[in-house]
Amino acid sequence: MTSGHEKSMRTATLVIGLTFTLGLLNYLDRVVISYAIGPIQNDFGIDNADFGLAMSLFAAGALAVNGISGVLLDRYGARRIWTLGLILWSIAMFLLGWIHYWWLFLAFRVVLGIGEGVNFPAMNRAIADWVPRGKMTRATSFALLGVPVALLIGGPLFSLLIERFGWRETFMALGIAGFALALTWLLLYREPPKTQTPAAPTLAEYGVVLRNPTLLATAWSFFGFGAILFFGVTWIPGYFEHEFDLKLTTIGWFTTMPWAFSIVGMMLIGTLSDRLFSARGDIRRARIHPTWILQLLAAASFVPLASVTSSNWAVFWLTLGIGLSMSANGLYYSICTDLFSKSAGAATGVIVTFFSASGVLTPFLIGWLTDATASFDIAFLMLSGIVGSGALGLLMFARPKSPSAATRNIRVS
């Protein structure tokens, strides 16, 4: 006879696997457009600034729902809300491959963002509901690996599919895959008993979250993290096409390297951070210091990109910059949980809102700068400045209170 503990562990494993898979699809849907820049521009007759606007409108849709989705998830659960998000973004993904009017394409980019904006709050809600506290950071880190894995396989996969079948057919195939995954999620995921879920935070507790200087410094650093990630998702293929006149299939293989580095880095840094935290329960030592150091090194890695003339050196510096920045991904979520265990959803909503705001601004600014200067040089320096300011902000302002005795006794399983 199966014990309650064994059943709970199996459920937690299932939830972690499902959240990873949903995150993987989420970012496959996001990255595919960056490998269709040329064909989309040719079909619609648009320039880089117009394409950047399409990327920004997606992030605007996500930004619009980041906050409210957390409230809806707390009230109605991840099963229903994530299913609705999946269906909405799958419909939008399919129609983006079908429509032939630019203004309508832009409208459905917003709809796609609204659907996908549910993803990370829902991930946190599901993991918090089913995964034991001592394993939550590792579980979150594993679920977040869907992001670099999607970007790792997206390059060669979408380069091949778009060249062989066309960008429209590739978009519609992803939409169909989304519907299949929505059905899978609906059939396999169940909400936990009401007795296992904590009461929703009060308005006063939300106010404390919004005024916390450590969280706000973390949010601004997450904005810089988002700037690098959105550049990687949207502009790397266009960069290599524009600066080095490379073929799409070659670009696809080049772009695997930053994400392979990211996967290794996320796993290593996540393990190191948990060990540091389990030893003393010191948020600044275990979470803040690794984050600002990694982001400052990432900012420095983008500076040489403003002057490289070799595609091989460009790959090297991009791999280093993106990989170092992505290695800190799981730490941002851990900071939210460590600061506000009861209000972790609200705290996460704050930093994800900054992340989405970065997605609104960064793609459009890069498109505008490349059109204005006929080069990516100024864009790279802009990215370096944003990320570096976030790193320094963490160093100066992220000073959480000393951990309590109870926190110091935490041990990561």
Protein backbone atom coordinates (compact mmCIF):
# COMPACT_ATOMS: atom_id res chain seq x y z
CA MET A 1 0.00 0.00 0.00
CA THR A 2 1.36 3.41 -0.99
CA SER A 3 2.11 5.76 1.90
CA GLY A 4 0.95 9.36 1.93
CA HIS A 5 4.55 10.57 1.77
CA GLU A 6 5.34 8.45 -1.31
CA LYS A 7 2.17 9.67 -3.03
CA SER A 8 3.03 13.27 -2.21
CA MET A 9 6.56 12.88 -3.59
CA ARG A 10 5.24 11.34 -6.80
CA THR A 11 2.81 14.23 -7.16
CA ALA A 12 5.60 16.74 -6.57
CA THR A 13 7.75 15.02 -9.21
CA LEU A 14 4.84 15.10 -11.67
CA VAL A 15 4.26 18.79 -10.99
CA ILE A 16 7.94 19.64 -11.49
CA GLY A 17 7.97 17.73 -14.77
CA LEU A 18 4.81 19.43 -15.99
CA THR A 19 6.03 22.91 -15.06
CA PHE A 20 9.33 22.27 -16.86
CA THR A 21 7.46 21.11 -19.98
CA LEU A 22 5.10 24.09 -19.94
CA GLY A 23 8.03 26.46 -19.48
CA LEU A 24 9.82 24.77 -22.38
CA LEU A 25 6.83 25.25 -24.71
CA ASN A 26 6.37 28.81 -23.44
CA TYR A 27 9.88 29.75 -24.53
CA LEU A 28 9.77 27.77 -27.77
CA ASP A 29 6.78 29.94 -28.66
CA ARG A 30 8.73 33.06 -27.68
CA VAL A 31 11.98 32.24 -29.48
CA VAL A 32 10.57 31.05 -32.80
CA ILE A 33 9.90 34.59 -34.03
CA SER A 34 13.58 35.53 -33.76
CA TYR A 35 14.42 32.89 -36.39
CA ALA A 36 11.72 34.25 -38.68
CA ILE A 37 12.89 37.89 -38.69
CA GLY A 38 13.90 37.89 -42.36
CA PRO A 39 10.84 36.04 -43.72
CA ILE A 40 8.43 38.11 -41.59
CA GLN A 41 10.04 41.38 -42.71
CA ASN A 42 9.84 40.27 -46.33
CA ASP A 43 6.20 39.16 -46.05
CA PHE A 44 4.99 42.32 -44.34
CA GLY A 45 7.49 44.84 -45.73
CA ILE A 46 8.69 46.11 -42.33
CA ASP A 47 12.02 47.36 -40.92
CA ASN A 48 13.87 46.58 -37.67
CA ALA A 49 11.95 49.19 -35.66
CA ASP A 50 8.62 47.69 -36.76
CA PHE A 51 9.84 44.23 -35.83
CA GLY A 52 11.03 45.51 -32.46
CA LEU A 53 7.54 46.92 -31.89
CA ALA A 54 6.07 43.44 -32.41
CA MET A 55 8.42 42.09 -29.75
CA SER A 56 7.57 44.90 -27.35
CA LEU A 57 3.82 44.45 -27.78
CA PHE A 58 4.17 40.82 -26.76
CA ALA A 59 5.87 41.91 -23.54
CA ALA A 60 3.20 44.58 -23.02
CA GLY A 61 0.54 41.86 -23.06
CA ALA A 62 2.48 39.85 -20.50
CA LEU A 63 3.03 42.96 -18.37
CA ALA A 64 -0.71 43.60 -18.30
CA VAL A 65 -1.46 40.28 -16.60
CA ASN A 66 1.62 39.58 -14.44
CA GLY A 67 0.07 41.15 -11.35
CA ILE A 68 -3.55 40.10 -11.71
CA SER A 69 -2.65 36.53 -12.68
CA GLY A 70 -1.16 35.97 -9.23
CA VAL A 71 -4.44 37.00 -7.59
CA LEU A 72 -6.44 34.75 -9.92
CA LEU A 73 -4.09 31.84 -9.31
CA ASP A 74 -4.43 32.22 -5.54
CA ARG A 75 -8.20 32.32 -5.85
CA TYR A 76 -8.91 29.72 -8.55
CA GLY A 77 -5.76 27.58 -8.67
CA ALA A 78 -3.14 26.74 -11.27
CA ARG A 79 -5.19 24.02 -12.96
CA ARG A 80 -7.89 26.33 -14.32
CA ILE A 81 -5.90 29.54 -14.80
CA TRP A 82 -2.89 27.95 -16.47
CA THR A 83 -5.21 25.95 -18.75
CA LEU A 84 -6.92 29.18 -19.84
CA GLY A 85 -3.55 30.81 -20.43
CA LEU A 86 -2.36 27.83 -22.49
CA ILE A 87 -5.48 27.84 -24.66
CA LEU A 88 -5.29 31.60 -25.22
CA TRP A 89 -1.61 31.63 -26.22
CA SER A 90 -2.05 28.54 -28.42
CA ILE A 91 -4.89 30.19 -30.34
CA ALA A 92 -2.78 33.33 -30.76
CA MET A 93 0.26 31.31 -31.88
CA PHE A 94 -1.74 29.48 -34.51
CA LEU A 95 -3.35 32.66 -35.85
CA LEU A 96 -0.01 34.50 -36.01
CA GLY A 97 1.01 31.99 -38.67
CA TRP A 98 -2.27 32.33 -40.53
CA ILE A 99 -3.00 36.09 -40.76
CA HIS A 100 -1.64 38.36 -43.52
CA TYR A 101 -2.19 41.89 -42.16
CA TRP A 102 0.56 43.54 -40.12
CA TRP A 103 -1.80 45.41 -37.79
CA LEU A 104 -3.57 42.13 -37.02
CA PHE A 105 -0.23 40.42 -36.45
CA LEU A 106 0.62 43.11 -33.89
CA ALA A 107 -2.76 42.66 -32.16
CA PHE A 108 -2.24 38.93 -31.76
CA ARG A 109 1.28 39.51 -30.43
CA VAL A 110 -0.44 41.29 -27.52
CA VAL A 111 -2.88 38.38 -27.10
CA LEU A 112 0.03 35.93 -27.12
CA GLY A 113 1.70 37.95 -24.36
CA ILE A 114 -1.49 37.98 -22.27
CA GLY A 115 -1.73 34.20 -22.49
CA GLU A 116 1.95 33.59 -21.77
CA GLY A 117 2.06 36.18 -18.98
CA VAL A 118 0.35 33.63 -16.74
CA ASN A 119 3.24 31.16 -17.11
CA PHE A 120 5.73 32.07 -14.37
CA PRO A 121 3.23 33.06 -11.67
CA ALA A 122 1.43 29.76 -12.37
CA MET A 123 4.72 27.88 -12.17
CA ASN A 124 5.37 29.35 -8.72
CA ARG A 125 1.81 28.67 -7.56
CA ALA A 126 1.94 25.00 -8.60
CA ILE A 127 5.40 24.40 -7.10
CA ALA A 128 4.47 26.17 -3.86
CA ASP A 129 1.32 24.04 -3.60
CA TRP A 130 3.00 20.67 -4.03
CA VAL A 131 6.78 20.80 -3.44
CA PRO A 132 8.17 20.69 0.13
CA ARG A 133 9.83 23.93 1.28
CA GLY A 134 13.27 22.33 1.61
CA LYS A 135 13.23 21.32 -2.06
CA MET A 136 11.45 24.32 -3.52
CA THR A 137 14.54 26.18 -4.76
CA ARG A 138 15.86 23.16 -6.59
CA ALA A 139 12.42 22.48 -8.05
CA THR A 140 12.09 26.08 -9.25
CA SER A 141 15.55 25.98 -10.79
CA PHE A 142 14.70 22.78 -12.63
CA ALA A 143 11.42 24.21 -13.92
CA LEU A 144 13.25 27.33 -15.11
CA LEU A 145 15.66 25.17 -17.12
CA GLY A 146 12.87 25.05 -19.70
CA VAL A 147 13.98 28.55 -20.73
CA PRO A 148 17.61 27.80 -21.75
CA VAL A 149 16.68 24.34 -23.04
CA ALA A 150 14.12 25.93 -25.38
CA LEU A 151 16.71 28.41 -26.55
CA LEU A 152 19.33 25.66 -26.88
CA ILE A 153 17.22 23.48 -29.18
CA GLY A 154 15.29 26.35 -30.77
CA GLY A 155 18.17 27.50 -32.94
CA PRO A 156 18.81 24.33 -34.96
CA LEU A 157 15.15 23.21 -34.76
CA PHE A 158 13.51 26.39 -36.01
CA SER A 159 16.24 27.19 -38.52
CA LEU A 160 15.56 23.83 -40.14
CA LEU A 161 11.75 24.00 -39.91
CA ILE A 162 11.48 27.56 -41.23
CA GLU A 163 13.81 26.89 -44.16
CA ARG A 164 12.06 23.61 -45.03
CA PHE A 165 8.39 24.36 -44.34
CA GLY A 166 8.11 28.13 -43.84
CA TRP A 167 7.63 30.38 -40.82
CA ARG A 168 3.83 30.31 -41.01
CA GLU A 169 3.62 26.54 -40.89
CA THR A 170 6.08 26.46 -37.97
CA PHE A 171 3.97 28.94 -35.99
CA MET A 172 0.79 26.96 -36.58
CA ALA A 173 2.47 23.68 -35.57
CA LEU A 174 3.47 25.27 -32.24
CA GLY A 175 -0.12 26.39 -31.72
CA ILE A 176 -1.34 22.83 -32.18
CA ALA A 177 1.31 21.56 -29.74
CA GLY A 178 0.02 24.10 -27.21
CA PHE A 179 -3.51 22.72 -27.42
CA ALA A 180 -2.18 19.18 -26.84
CA LEU A 181 -0.22 20.28 -23.80
CA ALA A 182 -3.20 22.19 -22.40
CA LEU A 183 -5.22 18.97 -22.52
CA THR A 184 -2.37 17.05 -20.86
CA TRP A 185 -2.12 19.62 -18.05
CA LEU A 186 -5.88 19.57 -17.51
CA LEU A 187 -5.95 15.77 -17.29
CA LEU A 188 -2.90 15.24 -15.07
CA TYR A 189 -2.76 18.20 -12.67
CA ARG A 190 -4.95 18.38 -9.58
CA GLU A 191 -5.26 21.14 -6.99
CA PRO A 192 -4.03 20.36 -3.46
CA PRO A 193 -6.52 20.08 -0.59
CA LYS A 194 -7.61 23.47 0.73
CA THR A 195 -6.01 22.68 4.09
CA GLN A 196 -2.57 22.62 2.46
CA THR A 197 -2.70 26.09 0.89
CA PRO A 198 -1.91 29.25 2.93
CA ALA A 199 -4.34 32.13 3.30
CA ALA A 200 -3.91 34.94 0.78
CA PRO A 201 -1.79 37.88 2.02
CA THR A 202 -3.57 40.97 3.36
CA LEU A 203 -3.35 44.43 1.79
CA ALA A 204 -0.99 45.50 4.57
CA GLU A 205 1.32 42.60 3.78
CA TYR A 206 1.29 43.53 0.10
CA GLY A 207 2.29 47.08 1.12
CA VAL A 208 5.30 45.76 3.02
CA VAL A 209 6.37 43.84 -0.07
CA LEU A 210 6.16 46.90 -2.32
CA ARG A 211 8.22 49.06 0.05
CA ASN A 212 11.05 46.60 0.64
CA PRO A 213 14.36 48.09 -0.66
CA THR A 214 16.00 44.69 -1.14
CA LEU A 215 13.11 43.50 -3.29
CA LEU A 216 13.08 46.72 -5.33
CA ALA A 217 16.83 46.46 -5.95
CA THR A 218 16.28 42.84 -6.99
CA ALA A 219 13.48 43.93 -9.32
CA TRP A 220 15.71 46.48 -11.08
CA SER A 221 18.44 43.87 -11.47
CA PHE A 222 15.80 41.51 -12.89
CA PHE A 223 14.94 44.25 -15.39
CA GLY A 224 18.58 44.10 -16.55
CA PHE A 225 18.47 40.31 -16.60
CA GLY A 226 15.37 40.60 -18.79
CA ALA A 227 17.17 42.99 -21.15
CA ILE A 228 19.82 40.35 -21.85
CA LEU A 229 17.31 37.52 -22.10
CA PHE A 230 15.01 39.42 -24.45
CA PHE A 231 17.99 40.35 -26.61
CA GLY A 232 18.97 36.69 -26.74
CA VAL A 233 15.43 35.59 -27.58
CA THR A 234 14.72 38.22 -30.23
CA TRP A 235 17.86 39.64 -31.80
CA ILE A 236 20.74 37.13 -31.89
CA PRO A 237 19.81 35.70 -35.33
CA GLY A 238 19.28 39.21 -36.72
CA TYR A 239 22.62 40.30 -35.27
CA PHE A 240 24.56 37.54 -37.01
CA GLU A 241 22.66 38.04 -40.26
CA HIS A 242 23.26 41.80 -40.20
CA GLU A 243 26.86 41.94 -38.95
CA PHE A 244 28.36 38.77 -40.45
CA ASP A 245 25.97 37.83 -43.30
CA LEU A 246 25.59 34.28 -42.02
CA LYS A 247 23.04 31.74 -43.25
CA LEU A 248 20.14 30.87 -40.97
CA THR A 249 21.26 27.26 -40.47
CA THR A 250 24.73 28.40 -39.37
CA ILE A 251 23.20 30.94 -37.01
CA GLY A 252 21.02 28.24 -35.46
CA TRP A 253 24.05 26.23 -34.36
CA PHE A 254 25.91 29.34 -33.18
CA THR A 255 23.06 30.26 -30.86
CA THR A 256 23.13 26.95 -28.98
CA MET A 257 26.31 27.84 -27.10
CA PRO A 258 25.01 30.60 -24.78
CA TRP A 259 22.09 28.42 -23.71
CA ALA A 260 24.21 25.31 -23.14
CA PHE A 261 26.43 27.41 -20.86
CA SER A 262 23.30 28.75 -19.16
CA ILE A 263 21.99 25.28 -18.32
CA VAL A 264 25.26 24.27 -16.68
CA GLY A 265 25.58 27.63 -14.91
CA MET A 266 22.03 27.56 -13.50
CA MET A 267 22.55 24.11 -12.04
CA LEU A 268 25.96 24.89 -10.53
CA ILE A 269 25.03 28.30 -9.11
CA GLY A 270 21.72 27.00 -7.77
CA THR A 271 23.50 24.19 -5.92
CA LEU A 272 26.17 26.54 -4.56
CA SER A 273 23.58 29.07 -3.40
CA ASP A 274 21.54 26.43 -1.58
CA ARG A 275 24.65 25.17 0.22
CA LEU A 276 25.59 28.68 1.30
CA PHE A 277 22.04 29.33 2.47
CA SER A 278 21.77 26.04 4.36
CA ALA A 279 25.00 26.81 6.21
CA ARG A 280 23.97 30.21 7.63
CA GLY A 281 20.57 31.20 6.29
CA ASP A 282 22.19 34.45 5.12
CA ILE A 283 20.25 35.82 2.13
CA ARG A 284 22.87 38.42 1.22
CA ARG A 285 25.74 35.94 1.24
CA ALA A 286 23.88 33.09 -0.47
CA ARG A 287 21.65 34.96 -2.94
CA ILE A 288 22.57 38.65 -3.29
CA HIS A 289 26.35 38.38 -3.66
CA PRO A 290 26.33 35.63 -6.34
CA THR A 291 23.64 37.53 -8.26
CA TRP A 292 25.36 40.92 -8.47
CA ILE A 293 28.75 39.35 -9.20
CA LEU A 294 27.34 37.30 -12.07
CA GLN A 295 25.44 40.26 -13.51
CA LEU A 296 28.44 42.59 -13.29
CA LEU A 297 30.57 40.04 -15.14
CA ALA A 298 27.81 39.67 -17.72
CA ALA A 299 27.69 43.46 -18.21
CA ALA A 300 31.45 43.52 -18.76
CA SER A 301 31.16 40.74 -21.33
CA PHE A 302 28.86 42.83 -23.53
CA VAL A 303 31.35 45.70 -23.88
CA PRO A 304 33.75 43.90 -26.30
CA LEU A 305 30.79 43.08 -28.58
CA ALA A 306 30.69 46.74 -29.59
CA SER A 307 34.00 46.29 -31.45
CA VAL A 308 34.34 42.64 -32.50
CA THR A 309 34.90 41.89 -36.19
CA SER A 310 34.93 38.09 -36.02
CA SER A 311 31.82 35.92 -35.70
CA ASN A 312 33.77 33.47 -33.53
CA TRP A 313 34.65 36.19 -31.00
CA ALA A 314 31.06 37.40 -31.13
CA VAL A 315 29.88 33.91 -30.19
CA PHE A 316 32.44 33.76 -27.37
CA TRP A 317 31.41 37.06 -25.75
CA LEU A 318 27.69 36.40 -26.24
CA THR A 319 28.07 32.95 -24.69
CA LEU A 320 29.91 34.41 -21.71
CA GLY A 321 27.56 37.36 -21.19
CA ILE A 322 24.29 35.48 -21.60
CA GLY A 323 25.51 32.41 -19.71
CA LEU A 324 26.71 34.39 -16.69
CA SER A 325 23.50 36.40 -16.53
CA MET A 326 21.24 33.36 -16.93
CA SER A 327 23.13 31.47 -14.20
CA ALA A 328 21.51 33.80 -11.66
CA ASN A 329 17.95 33.16 -12.86
CA GLY A 330 16.89 30.85 -10.04
CA LEU A 331 18.42 33.14 -7.40
CA TYR A 332 15.95 35.94 -8.17
CA TYR A 333 13.01 33.68 -7.34
CA SER A 334 14.76 32.39 -4.22
CA ILE A 335 15.26 35.96 -2.97
CA CYS A 336 11.49 36.51 -3.21
CA THR A 337 10.73 33.34 -1.25
CA ASP A 338 13.41 34.02 1.36
CA LEU A 339 12.22 37.58 1.98
CA PHE A 340 8.48 36.85 2.00
CA SER A 341 7.59 33.21 2.52
CA LYS A 342 3.86 33.95 2.90
CA SER A 343 3.77 36.66 0.20
CA ALA A 344 6.16 34.96 -2.21
CA GLY A 345 3.61 35.23 -5.02
CA ALA A 346 3.26 38.96 -4.58
CA ALA A 347 7.02 39.44 -4.34
CA THR A 348 7.55 37.38 -7.47
CA GLY A 349 4.87 39.42 -9.21
CA VAL A 350 6.87 42.58 -8.49
CA ILE A 351 10.10 41.36 -10.06
CA VAL A 352 8.32 39.68 -13.00
CA THR A 353 6.56 42.98 -13.71
CA PHE A 354 9.98 44.64 -14.03
CA PHE A 355 11.10 41.75 -16.22
CA SER A 356 8.12 42.20 -18.55
CA ALA A 357 8.68 45.97 -18.62
CA SER A 358 12.18 45.21 -19.87
CA GLY A 359 10.62 43.09 -22.58
CA VAL A 360 8.46 46.04 -23.64
CA LEU A 361 11.37 48.47 -23.91
CA THR A 362 14.44 46.46 -24.87
CA PRO A 363 13.45 44.88 -28.23
CA PHE A 364 12.05 48.16 -29.56
CA LEU A 365 15.07 50.19 -28.39
CA ILE A 366 17.48 47.72 -29.98
CA GLY A 367 15.53 47.83 -33.23
CA TRP A 368 15.49 51.64 -33.19
CA LEU A 369 19.21 51.90 -32.38
CA THR A 370 20.21 49.45 -35.11
CA ASP A 371 18.12 51.34 -37.67
CA ALA A 372 19.57 54.69 -36.56
CA THR A 373 23.22 53.60 -36.45
CA ALA A 374 23.24 50.66 -38.94
CA SER A 375 25.05 48.69 -36.22
CA PHE A 376 24.50 46.81 -32.96
CA ASP A 377 27.44 48.54 -31.23
CA ILE A 378 25.44 51.16 -29.29
CA ALA A 379 22.81 48.56 -28.40
CA PHE A 380 25.46 46.37 -26.74
CA LEU A 381 26.77 49.31 -24.71
CA MET A 382 23.20 50.13 -23.64
CA LEU A 383 22.67 46.55 -22.45
CA SER A 384 25.95 46.64 -20.53
CA GLY A 385 24.96 49.86 -18.76
CA ILE A 386 21.50 48.60 -17.75
CA VAL A 387 22.76 45.27 -16.42
CA GLY A 388 25.71 46.88 -14.65
CA SER A 389 23.48 49.41 -12.90
CA GLY A 390 21.28 46.56 -11.63
CA ALA A 391 24.32 44.72 -10.29
CA LEU A 392 25.56 47.80 -8.44
CA GLY A 393 22.06 48.47 -7.13
CA LEU A 394 21.99 45.01 -5.55
CA LEU A 395 25.40 45.55 -3.98
CA MET A 396 24.43 48.91 -2.45
CA PHE A 397 20.74 48.55 -1.56
CA ALA A 398 19.94 44.84 -1.18
CA ARG A 399 20.58 44.43 2.54
CA PRO A 400 18.00 42.06 4.03
CA LYS A 401 17.69 41.83 7.79
CA SER A 402 19.77 39.25 9.61
CA PRO A 403 18.12 35.83 9.50
CA SER A 404 16.22 34.58 12.51
CA ALA A 405 17.35 31.56 14.44
CA ALA A 406 14.60 29.55 12.78
CA THR A 407 15.89 30.50 9.36
CA ARG A 408 19.47 29.69 10.28
CA ASN A 409 18.42 26.16 11.12
CA ILE A 410 17.07 25.50 7.62
CA ARG A 411 18.81 22.68 5.82
CA VAL A 412 18.29 21.99 2.13
CA SER A 413 17.31 18.38 1.52
